[in-house]
Amino acid sequence: MSIHNGNLSGALDDDRAETIERVVAEVEDDIRHGRVTDDVSRVLGERLEAAGVALRPDAIEELAEDIENDVSL
């Protein structure tokens, strides 16, 4: 999944965008393998925070919805 700047507050530098994409890919993989049974937006928010990335709650929710859509395909 690609990260859209319009969904996120502030400009994304390459490192921040790569970190977000890595975390999103890990969450997607964990969902596909049945390792995530909790709310996707909560898990994503916690993992982004642990990786040092702060996003608005609505941006996290939108990314979580995108993840759920990608995984369900």
Protein backbone atom coordinates (compact mmCIF):
# COMPACT_ATOMS: atom_id res chain seq x y z
CA MET A 1 0.00 0.00 0.00
CA SER A 2 1.27 3.48 -0.72
CA ILE A 3 1.04 6.27 1.82
CA HIS A 4 -0.88 9.35 0.67
CA ASN A 5 0.37 12.71 2.01
CA GLY A 6 -3.18 14.08 2.03
CA ASN A 7 -4.10 11.63 4.78
CA LEU A 8 -1.26 12.64 7.07
CA SER A 9 -0.45 15.82 8.90
CA GLY A 10 2.68 17.59 7.75
CA ALA A 11 5.08 16.64 5.02
CA LEU A 12 6.53 13.16 5.02
CA ASP A 13 10.27 12.89 4.79
CA ASP A 14 11.64 9.71 3.26
CA ASP A 15 12.56 8.11 6.61
CA ARG A 16 9.13 8.77 8.12
CA ALA A 17 7.32 7.50 5.02
CA GLU A 18 9.49 4.36 4.99
CA THR A 19 8.79 3.75 8.67
CA ILE A 20 5.04 4.09 8.15
CA GLU A 21 5.12 1.79 5.12
CA ARG A 22 7.17 -0.78 7.06
CA VAL A 23 4.77 -0.74 10.00
CA VAL A 24 1.75 -0.97 7.68
CA ALA A 25 3.31 -3.94 5.85
CA GLU A 26 4.03 -5.68 9.17
CA VAL A 27 0.44 -5.18 10.35
CA GLU A 28 -0.91 -6.48 7.02
CA ASP A 29 1.33 -9.55 7.26
CA ASP A 30 0.31 -10.20 10.86
CA ILE A 31 -3.38 -9.97 9.91
CA ARG A 32 -2.91 -12.39 7.01
CA HIS A 33 -1.22 -14.86 9.36
CA GLY A 34 -3.86 -14.52 12.07
CA ARG A 35 -1.58 -12.78 14.56
CA VAL A 36 -3.80 -9.70 14.87
CA THR A 37 -7.20 -10.29 16.39
CA ASP A 38 -7.59 -6.85 17.98
CA ASP A 39 -8.83 -3.58 16.47
CA VAL A 40 -6.55 -2.79 13.52
CA SER A 41 -6.46 0.95 14.16
CA ARG A 42 -5.44 0.39 17.79
CA VAL A 43 -2.69 -2.07 16.82
CA LEU A 44 -1.48 0.23 14.05
CA GLY A 45 -1.45 3.24 16.36
CA GLU A 46 0.54 1.38 19.01
CA ARG A 47 3.08 0.12 16.49
CA LEU A 48 3.51 3.52 14.88
CA GLU A 49 4.01 5.08 18.30
CA ALA A 50 6.59 2.42 19.17
CA ALA A 51 8.38 3.22 15.90
CA GLY A 52 8.46 6.92 16.82
CA VAL A 53 5.80 8.11 14.38
CA ALA A 54 2.94 10.28 15.61
CA LEU A 55 -0.13 10.59 13.39
CA ARG A 56 -3.55 12.13 13.90
CA PRO A 57 -6.17 9.61 15.04
CA ASP A 58 -8.16 10.11 11.84
CA ALA A 59 -5.04 9.39 9.75
CA ILE A 60 -4.45 6.17 11.69
CA GLU A 61 -8.08 5.18 11.23
CA GLU A 62 -7.89 5.83 7.50
CA LEU A 63 -4.69 3.78 7.19
CA ALA A 64 -6.31 0.98 9.21
CA GLU A 65 -9.29 0.97 6.86
CA ASP A 66 -6.92 0.78 3.88
CA ILE A 67 -5.09 -2.12 5.52
CA GLU A 68 -8.35 -3.99 6.14
CA ASN A 69 -9.40 -3.44 2.52
CA ASP A 70 -6.01 -4.59 1.19
CA VAL A 71 -6.00 -7.71 3.35
CA SER A 72 -9.56 -8.66 2.40
CA LEU A 73 -8.74 -8.72 -1.35
